[in-house]
Amino acid sequence: MVILSILILNKAGGLIYQRDFNEGLKKLSSNDYLVLAGTFHGVHAITSRISPVPGSGGLEVLESDQFRMQCFQTLTGSIKFLIFAEPHQPNIDVICRRVYELYADYVMKNPFYQIEMPIRCESFDKHLAAYIKPKQ
């Protein structure tokens, strides 16, 4: 199982966390990641409105020959987790939920973290790396 990258977006579509897990990825600038987050937020909002399924949550999976992107949105809709993995990667939804659990345990329970602000939490980074790295 190869996870390429993880992005976390706030409710306004702002990028609050980004981390690459694969050395072979082309490095993007900080601005490129911000544009990617904002663009995905807009596309997600549009797809949730034009979906023929009532109550649809919007774009959840995007697959190409090069990667698979999975979106997990919290029940409150305030945070989106984007996981980029190899194509045809199984059980990405399970990984999304585990990343959310780590976020809840190590970011939201951190008394110094301010909601909607960039995530700068060493324990979250450490536990996320410990979870993702063995799967590489």
C-alpha atoms as a PDB file:
ATOM      1  CA  MET A   1       0.000   0.000   0.000  1.00  0.00           C
ATOM      2  CA  VAL A   2       1.528   3.304  -1.048  1.00  0.00           C
ATOM      3  CA  ILE A   3       0.179   6.606   0.218  1.00  0.00           C
ATOM      4  CA  LEU A   4       1.585   9.466  -1.804  1.00  0.00           C
ATOM      5  CA  SER A   5       0.316  12.515   0.034  1.00  0.00           C
ATOM      6  CA  ILE A   6      -2.213  13.735   2.607  1.00  0.00           C
ATOM      7  CA  LEU A   7      -3.909  17.130   2.618  1.00  0.00           C
ATOM      8  CA  ILE A   8      -6.331  18.487   5.206  1.00  0.00           C
ATOM      9  CA  LEU A   9      -8.666  21.355   4.281  1.00  0.00           C
ATOM     10  CA  ASN A  10     -10.743  23.551   6.577  1.00  0.00           C
ATOM     11  CA  LYS A  11     -14.389  24.473   5.955  1.00  0.00           C
ATOM     12  CA  ALA A  12     -13.432  27.477   3.826  1.00  0.00           C
ATOM     13  CA  GLY A  13     -11.231  25.338   1.566  1.00  0.00           C
ATOM     14  CA  GLY A  14      -7.985  26.543   3.095  1.00  0.00           C
ATOM     15  CA  LEU A  15      -5.081  24.143   3.336  1.00  0.00           C
ATOM     16  CA  ILE A  16      -4.278  23.517   6.998  1.00  0.00           C
ATOM     17  CA  TYR A  17      -2.002  20.478   6.596  1.00  0.00           C
ATOM     18  CA  GLN A  18       0.010  18.867   3.817  1.00  0.00           C
ATOM     19  CA  ARG A  19       2.550  16.081   3.897  1.00  0.00           C
ATOM     20  CA  ASP A  20       4.146  13.963   1.175  1.00  0.00           C
ATOM     21  CA  PHE A  21       5.023  10.349   1.979  1.00  0.00           C
ATOM     22  CA  ASN A  22       6.674   9.296  -1.257  1.00  0.00           C
ATOM     23  CA  GLU A  23      10.117  10.499  -2.279  1.00  0.00           C
ATOM     24  CA  GLY A  24       9.324  10.094  -5.987  1.00  0.00           C
ATOM     25  CA  LEU A  25       6.677  12.807  -6.074  1.00  0.00           C
ATOM     26  CA  LYS A  26       7.310  15.978  -8.004  1.00  0.00           C
ATOM     27  CA  LYS A  27       7.698  18.757  -5.454  1.00  0.00           C
ATOM     28  CA  LEU A  28       5.063  21.458  -5.652  1.00  0.00           C
ATOM     29  CA  SER A  29       5.386  24.945  -4.248  1.00  0.00           C
ATOM     30  CA  SER A  30       3.363  26.037  -1.236  1.00  0.00           C
ATOM     31  CA  ASN A  31       1.268  28.179  -3.552  1.00  0.00           C
ATOM     32  CA  ASP A  32       0.496  25.169  -5.784  1.00  0.00           C
ATOM     33  CA  TYR A  33      -0.809  23.241  -2.773  1.00  0.00           C
ATOM     34  CA  LEU A  34      -2.990  26.205  -1.779  1.00  0.00           C
ATOM     35  CA  VAL A  35      -4.400  26.390  -5.306  1.00  0.00           C
ATOM     36  CA  LEU A  36      -5.022  22.622  -5.300  1.00  0.00           C
ATOM     37  CA  ALA A  37      -6.910  22.857  -1.995  1.00  0.00           C
ATOM     38  CA  GLY A  38      -9.032  25.801  -3.125  1.00  0.00           C
ATOM     39  CA  THR A  39      -9.815  24.196  -6.466  1.00  0.00           C
ATOM     40  CA  PHE A  40     -10.840  20.911  -4.866  1.00  0.00           C
ATOM     41  CA  HIS A  41     -13.051  22.751  -2.372  1.00  0.00           C
ATOM     42  CA  GLY A  42     -14.881  24.492  -5.236  1.00  0.00           C
ATOM     43  CA  VAL A  43     -15.279  21.312  -7.289  1.00  0.00           C
ATOM     44  CA  HIS A  44     -16.514  19.440  -4.200  1.00  0.00           C
ATOM     45  CA  ALA A  45     -19.128  22.128  -3.532  1.00  0.00           C
ATOM     46  CA  ILE A  46     -20.313  22.114  -7.154  1.00  0.00           C
ATOM     47  CA  THR A  47     -20.555  18.323  -7.361  1.00  0.00           C
ATOM     48  CA  SER A  48     -22.580  18.169  -4.158  1.00  0.00           C
ATOM     49  CA  ARG A  49     -25.115  20.557  -5.704  1.00  0.00           C
ATOM     50  CA  ILE A  50     -25.388  19.012  -9.170  1.00  0.00           C
ATOM     51  CA  SER A  51     -25.466  15.406  -8.032  1.00  0.00           C
ATOM     52  CA  PRO A  52     -28.652  13.564  -9.044  1.00  0.00           C
ATOM     53  CA  VAL A  53     -28.589  11.802  -5.661  1.00  0.00           C
ATOM     54  CA  PRO A  54     -30.374  13.864  -2.985  1.00  0.00           C
ATOM     55  CA  GLY A  55     -28.146  14.644  -0.023  1.00  0.00           C
ATOM     56  CA  SER A  56     -24.963  13.715  -1.883  1.00  0.00           C
ATOM     57  CA  GLY A  57     -21.762  14.800  -0.183  1.00  0.00           C
ATOM     58  CA  GLY A  58     -19.959  15.728  -3.386  1.00  0.00           C
ATOM     59  CA  LEU A  59     -16.831  14.334  -5.004  1.00  0.00           C
ATOM     60  CA  GLU A  60     -15.407  11.438  -2.988  1.00  0.00           C
ATOM     61  CA  VAL A  61     -13.054   9.549  -5.323  1.00  0.00           C
ATOM     62  CA  LEU A  62     -11.054  10.603  -8.354  1.00  0.00           C
ATOM     63  CA  GLU A  63      -9.068   7.939 -10.185  1.00  0.00           C
ATOM     64  CA  SER A  64      -6.551   8.277 -12.973  1.00  0.00           C
ATOM     65  CA  ASP A  65      -3.799   6.085 -14.422  1.00  0.00           C
ATOM     66  CA  GLN A  66      -1.272   7.786 -12.129  1.00  0.00           C
ATOM     67  CA  PHE A  67      -3.051   8.168  -8.778  1.00  0.00           C
ATOM     68  CA  ARG A  68      -6.242   7.803  -6.789  1.00  0.00           C
ATOM     69  CA  MET A  69      -7.573  10.663  -4.684  1.00  0.00           C
ATOM     70  CA  GLN A  70     -10.008   9.879  -1.881  1.00  0.00           C
ATOM     71  CA  CYS A  71     -11.875  12.545   0.082  1.00  0.00           C
ATOM     72  CA  PHE A  72     -13.219  11.994   3.565  1.00  0.00           C
ATOM     73  CA  GLN A  73     -15.392  14.752   4.988  1.00  0.00           C
ATOM     74  CA  THR A  74     -16.237  14.912   8.676  1.00  0.00           C
ATOM     75  CA  LEU A  75     -19.889  14.620   9.712  1.00  0.00           C
ATOM     76  CA  THR A  76     -19.941  18.338  10.520  1.00  0.00           C
ATOM     77  CA  GLY A  77     -18.546  19.094   7.068  1.00  0.00           C
ATOM     78  CA  SER A  78     -15.923  21.363   8.547  1.00  0.00           C
ATOM     79  CA  ILE A  79     -12.821  19.343   7.617  1.00  0.00           C
ATOM     80  CA  LYS A  80     -11.902  17.425   4.454  1.00  0.00           C
ATOM     81  CA  PHE A  81      -9.112  14.862   4.338  1.00  0.00           C
ATOM     82  CA  LEU A  82      -7.616  14.226   0.888  1.00  0.00           C
ATOM     83  CA  ILE A  83      -5.470  11.147   0.470  1.00  0.00           C
ATOM     84  CA  PHE A  84      -3.509  10.579  -2.708  1.00  0.00           C
ATOM     85  CA  ALA A  85      -2.488   6.963  -3.268  1.00  0.00           C
ATOM     86  CA  GLU A  86      -1.460   4.614  -6.038  1.00  0.00           C
ATOM     87  CA  PRO A  87      -4.234   3.726  -8.485  1.00  0.00           C
ATOM     88  CA  HIS A  88      -6.495   0.799  -7.570  1.00  0.00           C
ATOM     89  CA  GLN A  89      -5.365   1.042  -3.962  1.00  0.00           C
ATOM     90  CA  PRO A  90      -7.822  -0.888  -1.769  1.00  0.00           C
ATOM     91  CA  ASN A  91      -9.221   0.275   1.573  1.00  0.00           C
ATOM     92  CA  ILE A  92      -8.375   3.957   1.248  1.00  0.00           C
ATOM     93  CA  ASP A  93     -11.589   4.761   3.132  1.00  0.00           C
ATOM     94  CA  VAL A  94     -10.223   2.840   6.137  1.00  0.00           C
ATOM     95  CA  ILE A  95      -7.016   4.870   5.991  1.00  0.00           C
ATOM     96  CA  CYS A  96      -9.048   8.099   5.762  1.00  0.00           C
ATOM     97  CA  ARG A  97     -10.957   7.199   8.911  1.00  0.00           C
ATOM     98  CA  ARG A  98      -7.754   6.346  10.776  1.00  0.00           C
ATOM     99  CA  VAL A  99      -6.165   9.659   9.756  1.00  0.00           C
ATOM    100  CA  TYR A 100      -9.315  11.368  11.045  1.00  0.00           C
ATOM    101  CA  GLU A 101      -8.986   9.491  14.356  1.00  0.00           C
ATOM    102  CA  LEU A 102      -5.364  10.623  14.656  1.00  0.00           C
ATOM    103  CA  TYR A 103      -6.457  14.191  13.874  1.00  0.00           C
ATOM    104  CA  ALA A 104      -9.129  14.016  16.581  1.00  0.00           C
ATOM    105  CA  ASP A 105      -6.730  12.525  19.134  1.00  0.00           C
ATOM    106  CA  TYR A 106      -3.620  14.627  18.558  1.00  0.00           C
ATOM    107  CA  VAL A 107      -4.818  17.894  17.024  1.00  0.00           C
ATOM    108  CA  MET A 108      -8.296  18.583  18.377  1.00  0.00           C
ATOM    109  CA  LYS A 109      -7.330  17.518  21.910  1.00  0.00           C
ATOM    110  CA  ASN A 110      -4.255  19.762  21.825  1.00  0.00           C
ATOM    111  CA  PRO A 111      -5.036  22.787  24.026  1.00  0.00           C
ATOM    112  CA  PHE A 112      -2.717  25.011  21.965  1.00  0.00           C
ATOM    113  CA  TYR A 113      -4.345  24.294  18.602  1.00  0.00           C
ATOM    114  CA  GLN A 114      -6.672  26.950  17.215  1.00  0.00           C
ATOM    115  CA  ILE A 115      -9.452  25.658  14.968  1.00  0.00           C
ATOM    116  CA  GLU A 116      -9.148  26.553  11.263  1.00  0.00           C
ATOM    117  CA  MET A 117      -5.455  27.381  11.644  1.00  0.00           C
ATOM    118  CA  PRO A 118      -2.554  25.410  10.093  1.00  0.00           C
ATOM    119  CA  ILE A 119      -1.734  22.234  11.993  1.00  0.00           C
ATOM    120  CA  ARG A 120       1.618  22.430  13.756  1.00  0.00           C
ATOM    121  CA  CYS A 121       1.445  19.467  16.095  1.00  0.00           C
ATOM    122  CA  GLU A 122       4.498  17.263  16.492  1.00  0.00           C
ATOM    123  CA  SER A 123       2.588  14.366  18.072  1.00  0.00           C
ATOM    124  CA  PHE A 124       0.165  14.293  15.111  1.00  0.00           C
ATOM    125  CA  ASP A 125       3.082  14.230  12.654  1.00  0.00           C
ATOM    126  CA  LYS A 126       4.807  11.465  14.590  1.00  0.00           C
ATOM    127  CA  HIS A 127       1.739   9.222  14.895  1.00  0.00           C
ATOM    128  CA  LEU A 128       0.668   9.840  11.298  1.00  0.00           C
ATOM    129  CA  ALA A 129       4.139   8.869  10.037  1.00  0.00           C
ATOM    130  CA  ALA A 130       4.119   5.780  12.276  1.00  0.00           C
ATOM    131  CA  TYR A 131       0.773   4.733  10.779  1.00  0.00           C
ATOM    132  CA  ILE A 132       1.570   5.477   7.118  1.00  0.00           C
ATOM    133  CA  LYS A 133       5.246   4.484   6.824  1.00  0.00           C
ATOM    134  CA  PRO A 134       4.824   0.734   7.576  1.00  0.00           C
ATOM    135  CA  LYS A 135       2.246   0.566   4.794  1.00  0.00           C
ATOM    136  CA  GLN A 136       4.718   1.887   2.193  1.00  0.00           C
END
